[in-house]
Amino acid sequence: MQISNIIWPLSKVFAVLLSGFAALWVIRKTRARLEMRQGPGPLQLLANLLKLVQKGTSTANTQSRLFGLCLIAALAGIVYLSAFLTDLDIFTTIYILVSIRFFAILAALVQAAPFGAFGASRELTLSILCEPALILSLVALSLSAGSIDMHAIISSSGPTSVAAGIALYLVALVDLSRMPIDDPSTHLELTMVHESMIIECSGRNLAMAESTYAMRTGLLFCLISVLFANALCLYCFKSAGTFAFAIIVVAFFILLCLTTGMIEALWIKMDWRKNPHFIAYALTMSFIAILSVLGGH
């Protein structure tokens, strides 16, 4: 019994990690194909991760000892959230998500490097703007499910799931520093958000940062895919079994990745001053999710 209690959370962590790297590969492959390039192979990202784990780390003399601890704390937070998301309540989930971002920002600041400070400042600004949409979306799902447990929230379905899913997808683009908020493939440090925060990372430190980012991507995309699948099954496939539901979730997951890749290939990076306008769409969709719950009652 104890072994099964350990294996099941570990399997969920492993699934989230693989789904995160799979999502990043599909996004990059889609963008590369639209730009008439070959793109990376399906195992290239995992191969890069294994190569980084085997390498040593180089640190600057001005770098604080908190740097490595912050990276470990951020990775531990996303691992815990991946393993026990369905056992948590909405408040704990939001707290852990905010803590992961806090430690990522702190890790960028304690590098004592100018580019890391630039990225941390932008990340903090974006987090202040997009967190209300994230909280309102989860609150709308909580009201629809009539519970604060994440298991009930994830299982809820209806118009609220669609509106909240769209809001969470827009929030994910901001949270993950994807287009049109940030161009992850740029090499201009002054305009980067996520990449400038980890610019001083190397070896195992960079592997931890990349793993944390990949798991955040996988977890958010999986959550959004489940919400869309719940709504689709409610209106179109009411008698769908577990296996059919899993196929629908995977289909939505791939669709989200393809959409993100097309956005990065066909959309240009917005001016920094226009980012709040984009985030306002996420906040609007979260308000619509709230109104759909209140209107249903």
Protein backbone atom coordinates (compact mmCIF):
# COMPACT_ATOMS: atom_id res chain seq x y z
CA MET A 1 0.00 0.00 0.00
CA GLN A 2 2.82 2.37 0.86
CA ILE A 3 4.64 1.53 -2.38
CA SER A 4 1.56 2.34 -4.44
CA ASN A 5 1.19 5.63 -2.56
CA ILE A 6 4.69 6.54 -3.71
CA ILE A 7 4.52 5.19 -7.27
CA TRP A 8 1.30 6.98 -8.20
CA PRO A 9 2.53 10.53 -7.37
CA LEU A 10 5.88 9.81 -9.03
CA SER A 11 4.11 8.60 -12.16
CA LYS A 12 2.14 11.85 -12.31
CA VAL A 13 5.34 13.88 -11.94
CA PHE A 14 6.97 11.88 -14.72
CA ALA A 15 3.89 12.32 -16.94
CA VAL A 16 3.85 16.09 -16.38
CA LEU A 17 7.58 16.30 -17.16
CA LEU A 18 7.19 14.32 -20.39
CA SER A 19 4.09 16.27 -21.41
CA GLY A 20 5.95 19.52 -20.81
CA PHE A 21 8.87 18.55 -23.03
CA ALA A 22 6.45 17.13 -25.60
CA ALA A 23 4.55 20.43 -25.63
CA LEU A 24 7.75 22.44 -26.10
CA TRP A 25 8.83 20.12 -28.92
CA VAL A 26 5.49 20.43 -30.75
CA ILE A 27 5.56 24.22 -30.36
CA ARG A 28 9.10 24.52 -31.69
CA LYS A 29 8.49 21.99 -34.47
CA THR A 30 5.33 23.78 -35.59
CA ARG A 31 7.11 27.12 -35.65
CA ALA A 32 10.05 25.67 -37.52
CA ARG A 33 7.84 24.09 -40.18
CA LEU A 34 5.93 27.32 -40.74
CA GLU A 35 9.27 29.12 -41.08
CA MET A 36 10.50 26.52 -43.60
CA ARG A 37 12.99 24.97 -41.18
CA GLN A 38 13.41 21.37 -40.07
CA GLY A 39 13.22 21.96 -36.34
CA PRO A 40 14.43 19.72 -33.47
CA GLY A 41 13.93 15.99 -33.24
CA PRO A 42 11.37 14.50 -30.82
CA LEU A 43 14.04 13.56 -28.26
CA GLN A 44 16.32 16.56 -28.69
CA LEU A 45 15.04 18.45 -25.64
CA LEU A 46 15.42 15.43 -23.36
CA ALA A 47 18.89 14.81 -24.78
CA ASN A 48 19.83 18.41 -24.00
CA LEU A 49 18.53 17.99 -20.46
CA LEU A 50 20.60 14.85 -19.88
CA LYS A 51 23.67 16.61 -21.27
CA LEU A 52 23.18 19.53 -18.87
CA VAL A 53 22.82 17.18 -15.89
CA GLN A 54 26.20 15.64 -16.69
CA LYS A 55 27.94 19.03 -16.88
CA GLY A 56 29.31 21.08 -14.03
CA THR A 57 28.13 24.54 -13.06
CA SER A 58 29.96 27.84 -13.33
CA THR A 59 29.01 30.71 -11.02
CA ALA A 60 30.06 34.35 -10.83
CA ASN A 61 31.88 35.72 -7.81
CA THR A 62 29.00 38.12 -7.13
CA GLN A 63 26.38 35.38 -7.20
CA SER A 64 24.62 34.64 -3.92
CA ARG A 65 24.45 31.16 -2.41
CA LEU A 66 20.67 31.49 -2.46
CA PHE A 67 20.74 31.07 -6.23
CA GLY A 68 20.87 27.28 -6.22
CA LEU A 69 18.44 27.03 -3.31
CA CYS A 70 15.89 29.16 -5.16
CA LEU A 71 16.13 26.93 -8.23
CA ILE A 72 15.65 23.85 -6.05
CA ALA A 73 12.66 25.46 -4.28
CA ALA A 74 10.99 26.35 -7.59
CA LEU A 75 11.54 22.83 -8.94
CA ALA A 76 10.27 21.28 -5.69
CA GLY A 77 7.14 23.43 -5.86
CA ILE A 78 6.18 22.35 -9.37
CA VAL A 79 7.00 18.71 -8.55
CA TYR A 80 4.75 18.81 -5.49
CA LEU A 81 1.98 20.50 -7.46
CA SER A 82 2.23 17.91 -10.23
CA ALA A 83 2.08 15.01 -7.78
CA PHE A 84 -0.73 16.23 -5.53
CA LEU A 85 -2.76 18.74 -7.55
CA THR A 86 -6.00 16.78 -7.28
CA ASP A 87 -5.56 16.46 -3.51
CA LEU A 88 -5.18 20.20 -2.90
CA ASP A 89 -7.66 23.03 -2.57
CA ILE A 90 -7.80 26.15 -4.68
CA PHE A 91 -6.04 28.36 -2.12
CA THR A 92 -3.07 26.02 -1.70
CA THR A 93 -2.78 25.65 -5.47
CA ILE A 94 -2.67 29.41 -6.01
CA TYR A 95 -0.16 29.78 -3.16
CA ILE A 96 2.18 27.18 -4.67
CA LEU A 97 1.93 28.71 -8.14
CA VAL A 98 2.80 32.12 -6.73
CA SER A 99 5.64 30.60 -4.69
CA ILE A 100 7.15 28.98 -7.78
CA ARG A 101 7.19 32.33 -9.55
CA PHE A 102 8.56 34.05 -6.43
CA PHE A 103 11.53 31.70 -6.19
CA ALA A 104 12.17 31.99 -9.95
CA ILE A 105 12.23 35.79 -9.65
CA LEU A 106 14.42 35.63 -6.54
CA ALA A 107 16.86 33.31 -8.32
CA ALA A 108 17.18 35.85 -11.12
CA LEU A 109 17.78 38.69 -8.67
CA VAL A 110 20.45 36.96 -6.57
CA GLN A 111 22.51 36.32 -9.70
CA ALA A 112 23.70 39.94 -9.32
CA ALA A 113 23.65 40.30 -13.11
CA PRO A 114 21.94 43.17 -14.96
CA PHE A 115 20.10 41.00 -17.48
CA GLY A 116 18.71 38.77 -14.73
CA ALA A 117 17.42 41.85 -12.91
CA PHE A 118 15.79 43.11 -16.13
CA GLY A 119 14.04 39.77 -16.63
CA ALA A 120 12.97 39.54 -13.00
CA SER A 121 11.49 43.04 -13.14
CA ARG A 122 9.47 42.19 -16.24
CA GLU A 123 8.39 38.84 -14.80
CA LEU A 124 7.17 40.52 -11.62
CA THR A 125 5.24 43.10 -13.61
CA LEU A 126 3.57 40.42 -15.72
CA SER A 127 2.71 38.36 -12.65
CA ILE A 128 0.99 41.33 -11.01
CA LEU A 129 -1.08 41.86 -14.15
CA CYS A 130 -2.07 38.24 -14.90
CA GLU A 131 -2.61 36.79 -11.42
CA PRO A 132 -6.09 38.37 -11.03
CA ALA A 133 -7.21 36.54 -14.19
CA LEU A 134 -5.73 33.28 -12.89
CA ILE A 135 -7.44 33.62 -9.51
CA LEU A 136 -10.81 34.64 -10.96
CA SER A 137 -10.74 31.72 -13.41
CA LEU A 138 -10.13 29.22 -10.62
CA VAL A 139 -12.75 30.92 -8.46
CA ALA A 140 -15.29 30.65 -11.30
CA LEU A 141 -14.55 26.93 -11.62
CA SER A 142 -14.82 26.57 -7.84
CA LEU A 143 -18.22 28.27 -7.82
CA SER A 144 -19.39 26.09 -10.70
CA ALA A 145 -18.25 22.91 -8.94
CA GLY A 146 -19.54 24.06 -5.55
CA SER A 147 -16.28 23.05 -3.92
CA ILE A 148 -12.78 24.41 -3.30
CA ASP A 149 -11.13 21.03 -3.95
CA MET A 150 -9.08 20.94 -7.14
CA HIS A 151 -10.38 17.47 -8.00
CA ALA A 152 -13.94 18.79 -8.11
CA ILE A 153 -12.82 21.94 -9.93
CA ILE A 154 -11.01 19.99 -12.63
CA SER A 155 -14.01 17.69 -13.05
CA SER A 156 -16.48 20.57 -13.45
CA SER A 157 -17.97 21.15 -16.89
CA GLY A 158 -20.19 23.60 -18.70
CA PRO A 159 -19.83 27.09 -20.17
CA THR A 160 -17.67 28.05 -17.20
CA SER A 161 -15.05 25.50 -18.23
CA VAL A 162 -14.80 26.97 -21.73
CA ALA A 163 -14.47 30.60 -20.60
CA ALA A 164 -12.10 29.70 -17.76
CA GLY A 165 -10.06 27.48 -20.09
CA ILE A 166 -9.62 30.32 -22.59
CA ALA A 167 -8.65 32.70 -19.78
CA LEU A 168 -6.15 30.21 -18.39
CA TYR A 169 -4.64 29.68 -21.84
CA LEU A 170 -4.07 33.42 -22.25
CA VAL A 171 -2.63 33.51 -18.73
CA ALA A 172 -0.37 30.58 -19.65
CA LEU A 173 1.04 32.50 -22.62
CA VAL A 174 1.94 35.32 -20.23
CA ASP A 175 3.12 33.07 -17.40
CA LEU A 176 5.36 31.06 -19.72
CA SER A 177 6.63 34.15 -21.58
CA ARG A 178 5.44 32.94 -24.96
CA MET A 179 4.42 35.03 -27.95
CA PRO A 180 3.08 37.68 -28.23
CA ILE A 181 4.34 38.65 -24.75
CA ASP A 182 7.90 37.47 -25.33
CA ASP A 183 9.80 35.77 -28.12
CA PRO A 184 11.59 32.76 -26.56
CA SER A 185 13.85 32.36 -29.60
CA THR A 186 15.27 35.89 -29.54
CA HIS A 187 18.90 36.54 -28.63
CA LEU A 188 18.45 40.17 -27.59
CA GLU A 189 18.80 40.08 -23.80
CA LEU A 190 17.26 43.51 -23.29
CA THR A 191 13.87 42.28 -24.57
CA MET A 192 13.84 38.84 -22.95
CA VAL A 193 11.76 37.80 -19.95
CA HIS A 194 12.27 34.13 -19.14
CA GLU A 195 15.53 33.68 -21.05
CA SER A 196 17.20 36.66 -19.38
CA MET A 197 16.23 35.29 -15.95
CA ILE A 198 18.23 32.10 -16.54
CA ILE A 199 21.02 33.63 -18.61
CA GLU A 200 23.57 33.00 -15.83
CA CYS A 201 22.51 29.36 -15.36
CA SER A 202 24.71 26.53 -16.54
CA GLY A 203 25.01 22.78 -16.12
CA ARG A 204 22.74 21.29 -13.46
CA ASN A 205 21.36 24.71 -12.52
CA LEU A 206 20.19 25.24 -16.09
CA ALA A 207 18.76 21.70 -16.12
CA MET A 208 16.68 22.51 -13.02
CA ALA A 209 15.46 25.79 -14.52
CA GLU A 210 14.53 24.14 -17.83
CA SER A 211 12.81 21.24 -16.05
CA THR A 212 10.77 23.66 -13.94
CA TYR A 213 9.72 25.57 -17.05
CA ALA A 214 8.82 22.38 -18.93
CA MET A 215 6.73 21.07 -16.03
CA ARG A 216 4.92 24.40 -15.70
CA THR A 217 4.11 24.20 -19.41
CA GLY A 218 2.91 20.61 -19.18
CA LEU A 219 0.81 21.18 -16.06
CA LEU A 220 -0.93 24.31 -17.37
CA PHE A 221 -1.62 22.81 -20.79
CA CYS A 222 -2.92 19.58 -19.25
CA LEU A 223 -5.25 21.51 -16.93
CA ILE A 224 -6.61 23.60 -19.81
CA SER A 225 -7.05 20.49 -21.99
CA VAL A 226 -9.04 18.75 -19.26
CA LEU A 227 -11.35 21.77 -18.92
CA PHE A 228 -12.04 21.85 -22.66
CA ALA A 229 -12.52 18.07 -22.74
CA ASN A 230 -15.05 18.27 -19.89
CA ALA A 231 -17.09 20.85 -21.78
CA LEU A 232 -16.95 18.86 -25.02
CA CYS A 233 -18.03 15.64 -23.32
CA LEU A 234 -20.91 17.44 -21.62
CA TYR A 235 -22.41 18.67 -24.88
CA CYS A 236 -21.26 16.11 -27.48
CA PHE A 237 -20.03 12.88 -25.85
CA LYS A 238 -22.10 12.44 -22.72
CA SER A 239 -21.44 8.70 -22.57
CA ALA A 240 -17.70 8.89 -23.21
CA GLY A 241 -15.69 6.42 -21.15
CA THR A 242 -12.35 6.92 -19.48
CA PHE A 243 -10.32 5.88 -22.51
CA ALA A 244 -12.32 8.11 -24.88
CA PHE A 245 -12.00 11.01 -22.46
CA ALA A 246 -8.21 10.52 -22.32
CA ILE A 247 -8.04 10.62 -26.13
CA ILE A 248 -10.05 13.86 -26.15
CA VAL A 249 -7.70 15.39 -23.57
CA VAL A 250 -4.65 14.43 -25.64
CA ALA A 251 -6.29 15.88 -28.77
CA PHE A 252 -6.91 19.20 -27.01
CA PHE A 253 -3.35 19.13 -25.64
CA ILE A 254 -1.90 18.75 -29.13
CA LEU A 255 -4.26 21.44 -30.43
CA LEU A 256 -3.06 23.88 -27.76
CA CYS A 257 0.56 23.17 -28.66
CA LEU A 258 -0.09 23.60 -32.39
CA THR A 259 -1.98 26.85 -31.73
CA THR A 260 0.89 28.17 -29.61
CA GLY A 261 3.40 27.25 -32.32
CA MET A 262 1.35 28.99 -35.00
CA ILE A 263 1.01 32.10 -32.83
CA GLU A 264 4.79 32.23 -32.42
CA ALA A 265 5.35 31.82 -36.14
CA LEU A 266 2.67 34.18 -37.44
CA TRP A 267 2.41 36.82 -34.69
CA ILE A 268 5.00 39.46 -33.90
CA LYS A 269 6.09 40.36 -30.39
CA MET A 270 3.96 43.16 -29.00
CA ASP A 271 5.32 46.39 -27.65
CA TRP A 272 5.86 46.14 -23.89
CA ARG A 273 3.35 48.94 -23.26
CA LYS A 274 0.63 46.94 -25.05
CA ASN A 275 1.04 43.82 -22.91
CA PRO A 276 -1.59 44.97 -20.37
CA HIS A 277 -4.08 45.19 -23.25
CA PHE A 278 -3.45 41.53 -24.09
CA ILE A 279 -3.72 40.49 -20.44
CA ALA A 280 -7.03 42.38 -20.27
CA TYR A 281 -8.50 39.77 -22.63
CA ALA A 282 -7.67 37.04 -20.10
CA LEU A 283 -9.23 39.10 -17.32
CA THR A 284 -12.34 39.64 -19.46
CA MET A 285 -12.71 35.90 -20.11
CA SER A 286 -12.37 35.20 -16.38
CA PHE A 287 -15.15 37.73 -15.70
CA ILE A 288 -17.28 35.98 -18.32
CA ALA A 289 -16.65 32.70 -16.52
CA ILE A 290 -17.80 34.30 -13.25
CA LEU A 291 -20.91 35.74 -14.93
CA SER A 292 -21.75 32.37 -16.50
CA VAL A 293 -21.80 30.82 -13.03
CA LEU A 294 -23.89 33.61 -11.54
CA GLY A 295 -26.25 33.56 -14.52
CA GLY A 296 -26.70 29.83 -14.23
CA HIS A 297 -27.93 30.21 -10.69
